[in-house]
């Protein structure tokens, strides 16, 4: 559905400019909810704006629904953009228009008859849960309601792709969950492909099936959310998923080695592994940090242990015999 091939974006001169996106290649399937996550300055918003050519890439190919956008004429691009809509952090509603007139605005530009546009606009307001707000103005709505109107407006042209650029960052946690539930519901009902740009782990965990981690303009790693977040392979991924990695810096005994365990299903998360190590092998470990999380309906757990160096091999061999538990040695200076 969406193919990004070797996308680069440089602001300023090629040699002395700012390289916001560096050789990014991603394939996003039809009907998928795909998350792009990273810390501030990673290049996320620049990348998503390249998908609909709000930012024209310096290099690379952008293919959406079988059409190569970066080589289109302006007229061709305007037509193609009707299938690619976008919602933003601050909603970008027209404050002098009612909710219904905001939703109808894209249809007005496209030449849809007023009666048909209003009929479709009311259907969309009902879809996003605001059938009674047609005549209200944006200033009379909460932040969550304004974002619902923005989503309805984005759907007015029957798009195939919905781009969400930090769409929940200005909302409280409860409203964020409601908006994410709405996006999931729309994805399922309309089979629309959704790309979510965010710096919030909770957003990706809640609604995305696949994710790419962006770091300094590059894709650090990508894949299914459960696979990437349960056991990230990149340094950027570990910083995002295991912010407790800082524990490894302050905990630096000379006679212990640190390991991170990843429990890959709900059965293994309930195993009394530390107690078994002590009772069966005589290995007494220090628990540095531990957590559980639910990813794509599967429960994962992670734990950082300090294992006595003299008993390290025995402990790791024992853990390797436990099904669905992954062991990774951690450098004391890992972030």
Protein backbone atom coordinates (compact mmCIF):
# COMPACT_ATOMS: atom_id res chain seq x y z
CA UNK A 1 0.00 0.00 0.00
CA UNK A 2 2.71 2.50 1.05
CA UNK A 3 6.30 1.97 -0.04
CA UNK A 4 9.07 4.33 0.95
CA UNK A 5 12.29 3.51 -0.87
CA UNK A 6 15.56 5.08 0.34
CA UNK A 7 13.95 8.34 1.42
CA UNK A 8 16.32 11.18 2.34
CA UNK A 9 15.39 14.72 3.33
CA UNK A 10 17.98 17.45 3.81
CA UNK A 11 17.15 21.02 4.79
CA UNK A 12 19.65 23.49 3.37
CA UNK A 13 22.67 22.63 1.28
CA UNK A 14 23.41 18.93 0.82
CA UNK A 15 26.86 19.10 2.39
CA UNK A 16 26.20 21.64 5.14
CA UNK A 17 22.49 21.17 5.74
CA UNK A 18 20.40 19.32 8.31
CA UNK A 19 19.82 15.67 7.40
CA UNK A 20 16.36 15.08 8.88
CA UNK A 21 15.67 11.73 7.18
CA UNK A 22 18.43 9.35 6.11
CA UNK A 23 17.86 6.47 3.68
CA UNK A 24 14.52 5.30 5.13
CA UNK A 25 12.78 2.35 3.47
CA UNK A 26 9.44 1.10 4.82
CA UNK A 27 6.62 -1.05 3.44
CA UNK A 28 3.17 -0.55 5.01
CA UNK A 29 0.39 -2.93 4.05
CA UNK A 30 -3.22 -2.13 3.16
CA UNK A 31 -5.46 -1.84 6.23
CA UNK A 32 -2.54 -1.78 8.69
CA UNK A 33 -2.13 0.57 11.65
CA UNK A 34 1.58 1.34 11.49
CA UNK A 35 3.40 3.30 14.17
CA UNK A 36 6.53 5.40 13.70
CA UNK A 37 8.08 6.25 17.04
CA UNK A 38 11.21 7.99 18.24
CA UNK A 39 12.53 10.67 20.52
CA UNK A 40 12.17 14.37 19.67
CA UNK A 41 14.28 15.29 16.67
CA UNK A 42 14.36 11.75 15.27
CA UNK A 43 12.76 12.85 11.99
CA UNK A 44 9.26 11.41 12.51
CA UNK A 45 7.17 14.40 11.45
CA UNK A 46 9.42 15.14 8.48
CA UNK A 47 9.05 11.54 7.31
CA UNK A 48 5.25 11.50 7.55
CA UNK A 49 5.08 14.77 5.61
CA UNK A 50 7.14 13.14 2.89
CA UNK A 51 4.44 10.49 2.43
CA UNK A 52 1.95 13.04 1.09
CA UNK A 53 4.70 15.35 -0.23
CA UNK A 54 4.00 18.22 2.13
CA UNK A 55 7.77 17.86 2.33
CA UNK A 56 9.40 16.81 -0.92
CA UNK A 57 12.18 14.29 -0.26
CA UNK A 58 15.68 15.12 -1.41
CA UNK A 59 16.11 11.54 -2.63
CA UNK A 60 14.06 8.37 -2.84
CA UNK A 61 10.73 7.07 -4.09
CA UNK A 62 7.27 7.37 -2.53
CA UNK A 63 4.66 4.91 -3.79
CA UNK A 64 1.10 4.97 -2.42
CA UNK A 65 -1.57 2.59 -3.70
CA UNK A 66 0.60 1.71 -6.69
CA UNK A 67 1.21 5.33 -7.70
CA UNK A 68 4.60 7.02 -7.50
CA UNK A 69 3.92 10.42 -5.96
CA UNK A 70 7.33 12.07 -6.18
CA UNK A 71 7.31 12.14 -9.99
CA UNK A 72 3.73 13.42 -10.43
CA UNK A 73 2.73 16.75 -11.94
CA UNK A 74 1.04 19.23 -9.56
CA UNK A 75 -2.39 18.34 -10.97
CA UNK A 76 -1.76 14.62 -10.58
CA UNK A 77 -0.52 15.13 -7.03
CA UNK A 78 -3.61 17.12 -6.05
CA UNK A 79 -5.79 14.25 -7.26
CA UNK A 80 -3.68 11.63 -5.46
CA UNK A 81 -3.77 13.58 -2.19
CA UNK A 82 -7.55 13.09 -1.99
CA UNK A 83 -6.73 9.52 -0.97
CA UNK A 84 -4.22 10.62 1.70
CA UNK A 85 -5.52 12.72 4.58
CA UNK A 86 -3.91 13.92 7.78
CA UNK A 87 -4.77 14.90 11.35
CA UNK A 88 -2.54 16.99 13.58
CA UNK A 89 -1.69 17.60 17.22
CA UNK A 90 -3.57 20.91 17.39
CA UNK A 91 -6.61 19.87 15.30
CA UNK A 92 -6.35 22.78 12.76
CA UNK A 93 -10.10 23.38 12.64
CA UNK A 94 -11.56 26.55 11.11
CA UNK A 95 -12.79 28.37 14.19
CA UNK A 96 -15.35 30.54 12.35
CA UNK A 97 -17.10 27.46 10.93
CA UNK A 98 -19.45 25.07 12.70
CA UNK A 99 -18.43 21.44 13.11
CA UNK A 100 -20.57 20.43 10.16
CA UNK A 101 -19.09 23.16 7.94
CA UNK A 102 -15.58 22.06 8.97
CA UNK A 103 -16.33 18.48 7.93
CA UNK A 104 -17.91 19.66 4.67
CA UNK A 105 -14.96 21.91 3.76
CA UNK A 106 -12.91 19.30 1.81
CA UNK A 107 -16.04 18.31 -0.11
CA UNK A 108 -16.77 21.93 -0.97
CA UNK A 109 -13.28 22.28 -2.43
CA UNK A 110 -13.85 19.10 -4.45
CA UNK A 111 -17.07 20.49 -5.94
CA UNK A 112 -19.54 18.24 -4.10
CA UNK A 113 -23.09 19.65 -4.03
CA UNK A 114 -23.96 21.34 -0.73
CA UNK A 115 -26.85 18.98 0.08
CA UNK A 116 -24.73 15.90 -0.61
CA UNK A 117 -21.83 17.31 1.40
CA UNK A 118 -24.05 18.06 4.39
CA UNK A 119 -25.59 14.60 4.27
CA UNK A 120 -22.13 13.00 4.21
CA UNK A 121 -20.89 15.41 6.89
CA UNK A 122 -23.66 14.41 9.30
CA UNK A 123 -22.93 10.72 8.65
CA UNK A 124 -19.27 11.31 9.52
CA UNK A 125 -20.11 13.25 12.69
CA UNK A 126 -22.23 10.29 13.75
CA UNK A 127 -19.36 7.92 12.93
CA UNK A 128 -17.03 9.81 15.28
CA UNK A 129 -19.65 10.03 18.03
CA UNK A 130 -20.71 13.68 17.67
CA UNK A 131 -24.12 13.63 15.93
CA UNK A 132 -25.39 16.41 18.21
CA UNK A 133 -22.49 18.83 17.56
CA UNK A 134 -23.19 19.70 13.92
CA UNK A 135 -24.08 23.32 14.72
CA UNK A 136 -21.51 23.82 17.49
CA UNK A 137 -18.32 25.80 16.95
CA UNK A 138 -14.84 24.40 17.73
CA UNK A 139 -14.39 26.79 20.67
CA UNK A 140 -17.40 25.17 22.33
CA UNK A 141 -15.81 21.70 22.23
CA UNK A 142 -13.27 19.89 24.37
CA UNK A 143 -9.90 18.92 22.90
CA UNK A 144 -11.03 15.35 22.37
CA UNK A 145 -14.20 16.48 20.61
CA UNK A 146 -12.21 18.82 18.36
CA UNK A 147 -9.95 15.93 17.36
CA UNK A 148 -13.04 13.85 16.55
CA UNK A 149 -14.24 16.60 14.24
CA UNK A 150 -10.78 16.71 12.65
CA UNK A 151 -10.97 12.95 12.05
CA UNK A 152 -14.43 13.30 10.50
CA UNK A 153 -13.11 16.04 8.21
CA UNK A 154 -10.15 13.83 7.25
CA UNK A 155 -12.57 11.08 6.20
CA UNK A 156 -14.72 13.38 4.07
CA UNK A 157 -12.97 12.49 0.79
CA UNK A 158 -13.14 8.71 1.44
CA UNK A 159 -9.34 8.41 1.73
CA UNK A 160 -7.35 5.20 1.62
CA UNK A 161 -4.65 6.49 3.98
CA UNK A 162 -4.91 8.44 7.25
CA UNK A 163 -1.72 10.06 8.57
CA UNK A 164 -1.72 10.98 12.27
CA UNK A 165 1.05 13.38 13.32
CA UNK A 166 1.20 13.37 17.13
CA UNK A 167 -2.61 13.40 17.04
CA UNK A 168 -3.02 12.58 20.76
CA UNK A 169 -0.08 14.50 22.23
CA UNK A 170 -2.26 17.43 23.35
CA UNK A 171 -4.86 15.19 25.01
CA UNK A 172 -5.15 13.74 28.51
CA UNK A 173 -4.70 9.96 28.96
CA UNK A 174 -8.42 9.14 29.10
CA UNK A 175 -9.21 11.16 25.97
CA UNK A 176 -6.15 9.68 24.23
CA UNK A 177 -7.53 6.17 24.79
CA UNK A 178 -10.91 7.22 23.41
CA UNK A 179 -9.36 8.72 20.27
CA UNK A 180 -7.22 5.61 19.74
CA UNK A 181 -10.31 3.42 20.09
CA UNK A 182 -12.02 5.59 17.48
CA UNK A 183 -9.05 5.26 15.10
CA UNK A 184 -9.06 1.48 15.55
CA UNK A 185 -12.81 1.35 14.95
CA UNK A 186 -12.49 3.43 11.76
CA UNK A 187 -9.61 1.26 10.58
CA UNK A 188 -11.71 -1.87 11.00
CA UNK A 189 -14.92 -0.46 9.50
CA UNK A 190 -13.38 1.31 6.51
CA UNK A 191 -10.21 -0.78 6.01
CA UNK A 192 -8.26 2.47 5.89
CA UNK A 193 -4.47 2.33 6.26
CA UNK A 194 -3.31 4.37 9.26
CA UNK A 195 0.19 5.73 9.92
CA UNK A 196 0.69 7.07 13.45
CA UNK A 197 3.61 9.34 14.31
CA UNK A 198 4.23 9.55 18.06
CA UNK A 199 6.80 9.74 20.80
CA UNK A 200 4.45 7.92 23.19
CA UNK A 201 5.08 4.20 23.72
CA UNK A 202 1.57 3.78 25.10
CA UNK A 203 0.00 4.90 21.81
CA UNK A 204 1.87 2.32 19.75
CA UNK A 205 1.18 -0.44 22.27
CA UNK A 206 -2.52 0.39 22.34
CA UNK A 207 -3.39 0.49 18.66
CA UNK A 208 -0.55 -0.40 16.25
CA UNK A 209 0.19 -3.80 14.75
CA UNK A 210 3.61 -2.87 13.33
CA UNK A 211 6.15 -0.24 14.30
CA UNK A 212 9.34 1.40 13.07
CA UNK A 213 11.73 3.04 15.54
CA UNK A 214 13.35 6.16 14.11
CA UNK A 215 16.65 7.46 15.47
CA UNK A 216 18.59 10.41 14.06
CA UNK A 217 16.64 10.18 10.81
CA UNK A 218 17.27 6.45 10.30
CA UNK A 219 15.16 3.34 10.92
CA UNK A 220 16.82 1.68 13.91
CA UNK A 221 14.53 -1.36 13.65
CA UNK A 222 11.01 -2.29 12.54
CA UNK A 223 8.58 -5.18 12.75
CA UNK A 224 5.55 -6.40 14.67
CA UNK A 225 4.92 -4.40 17.83
CA UNK A 226 5.07 -7.49 20.04
CA UNK A 227 8.39 -8.60 18.58
CA UNK A 228 10.10 -5.20 18.60
CA UNK A 229 8.93 -4.03 22.02
CA UNK A 230 9.37 -7.36 23.78
CA UNK A 231 13.04 -7.67 22.81
CA UNK A 232 14.39 -4.61 20.98
CA UNK A 233 17.65 -5.21 19.12
CA UNK A 234 18.78 -1.62 18.58
CA UNK A 235 20.18 0.80 21.13
CA UNK A 236 17.42 3.28 20.26
CA UNK A 237 14.81 0.56 20.79
CA UNK A 238 16.23 -0.36 24.18
CA UNK A 239 16.23 3.30 25.26
CA UNK A 240 12.55 3.57 24.36
CA UNK A 241 11.35 0.23 25.68
CA UNK A 242 13.60 -0.09 28.72
CA UNK A 243 13.99 3.41 30.14
CA UNK A 244 14.99 1.58 33.33
CA UNK A 245 18.22 0.80 31.51
CA UNK A 246 19.54 3.68 33.56
CA UNK A 247 19.47 1.20 36.47
CA UNK A 248 22.37 -0.55 34.81
CA UNK A 249 24.44 2.61 35.10
CA UNK A 250 23.95 3.19 38.80
CA UNK A 251 24.12 -0.50 39.70
CA UNK A 252 27.70 -1.48 39.02
CA UNK A 253 29.01 -4.12 41.44
CA UNK A 254 32.33 -5.70 40.60
CA UNK A 255 31.29 -9.27 41.36
CA UNK A 256 28.03 -9.49 39.40
CA UNK A 257 26.92 -9.59 35.78
CA UNK A 258 23.69 -8.02 34.58
CA UNK A 259 21.18 -9.84 32.37
CA UNK A 260 17.82 -8.84 30.98
CA UNK A 261 15.16 -11.53 30.75
CA UNK A 262 12.20 -11.23 28.38
CA UNK A 263 9.16 -13.40 29.16
CA UNK A 264 7.25 -13.93 25.94
CA UNK A 265 3.80 -15.01 27.11
CA UNK A 266 1.47 -14.85 30.11
CA UNK A 267 2.43 -18.36 31.30
CA UNK A 268 6.13 -17.55 31.59
CA UNK A 269 5.47 -14.21 33.32
CA UNK A 270 3.91 -16.19 36.20
CA UNK A 271 6.89 -18.56 36.65
CA UNK A 272 8.67 -18.01 40.03
CA UNK A 273 12.02 -18.03 38.24
CA UNK A 274 14.07 -16.26 40.91
CA UNK A 275 12.79 -18.57 43.62
CA UNK A 276 13.56 -21.62 41.47
CA UNK A 277 17.08 -20.38 40.78
CA UNK A 278 17.70 -20.09 44.50
CA UNK A 279 16.01 -23.36 45.51
CA UNK A 280 17.20 -25.61 42.67
CA UNK A 281 20.58 -24.13 41.75
CA UNK A 282 21.61 -22.21 44.86
CA UNK A 283 21.95 -19.00 42.82
CA UNK A 284 20.79 -15.88 44.63
CA UNK A 285 20.15 -12.97 42.25
CA UNK A 286 19.43 -9.28 42.77
CA UNK A 287 16.35 -7.97 40.97
CA UNK A 288 17.33 -4.57 39.56
CA UNK A 289 14.05 -3.85 37.74
CA UNK A 290 10.97 -5.69 36.47
CA UNK A 291 7.84 -4.89 34.48
CA UNK A 292 5.02 -6.45 32.45
CA UNK A 293 3.18 -5.05 29.44
CA UNK A 294 0.43 -6.10 27.06
CA UNK A 295 1.31 -5.92 23.37
CA UNK A 296 -1.17 -6.96 20.67
CA UNK A 297 -3.23 -8.98 23.17
CA UNK A 298 -0.12 -10.85 24.42
CA UNK A 299 1.43 -10.30 27.85
CA UNK A 300 5.20 -9.78 27.91
CA UNK A 301 7.47 -9.31 30.90
CA UNK A 302 11.01 -8.06 31.35
CA UNK A 303 13.39 -8.28 34.29
CA UNK A 304 16.93 -7.10 34.91
CA UNK A 305 18.96 -9.31 37.24
CA UNK A 306 22.33 -9.06 38.90
CA UNK A 307 23.86 -12.56 38.91
CA UNK A 308 27.02 -13.44 40.89
CA UNK A 309 29.86 -13.72 38.37
CA UNK A 310 30.98 -17.09 39.75
CA UNK A 311 27.50 -18.55 39.18
CA UNK A 312 26.66 -16.74 35.94
CA UNK A 313 27.11 -19.67 33.54
CA UNK A 314 25.07 -22.01 35.73
CA UNK A 315 22.25 -19.47 36.10
CA UNK A 316 22.08 -18.70 32.38
CA UNK A 317 22.08 -22.39 31.47
CA UNK A 318 19.17 -22.92 33.86
CA UNK A 319 17.20 -19.97 32.40
CA UNK A 320 17.80 -21.18 28.84
CA UNK A 321 15.88 -24.34 29.71
CA UNK A 322 12.76 -22.33 30.55
CA UNK A 323 10.52 -22.07 27.48
CA UNK A 324 9.77 -18.64 26.00
CA UNK A 325 12.33 -16.79 28.12
CA UNK A 326 15.01 -14.82 26.30
CA UNK A 327 18.31 -13.95 28.02
CA UNK A 328 20.48 -10.97 27.08
CA UNK A 329 23.64 -9.83 28.88
CA UNK A 330 23.53 -6.11 29.64
CA UNK A 331 26.52 -3.80 29.63
CA UNK A 332 26.76 -1.81 32.85
CA UNK A 333 26.92 1.38 30.79
CA UNK A 334 23.90 0.71 28.59
CA UNK A 335 21.38 3.56 28.40
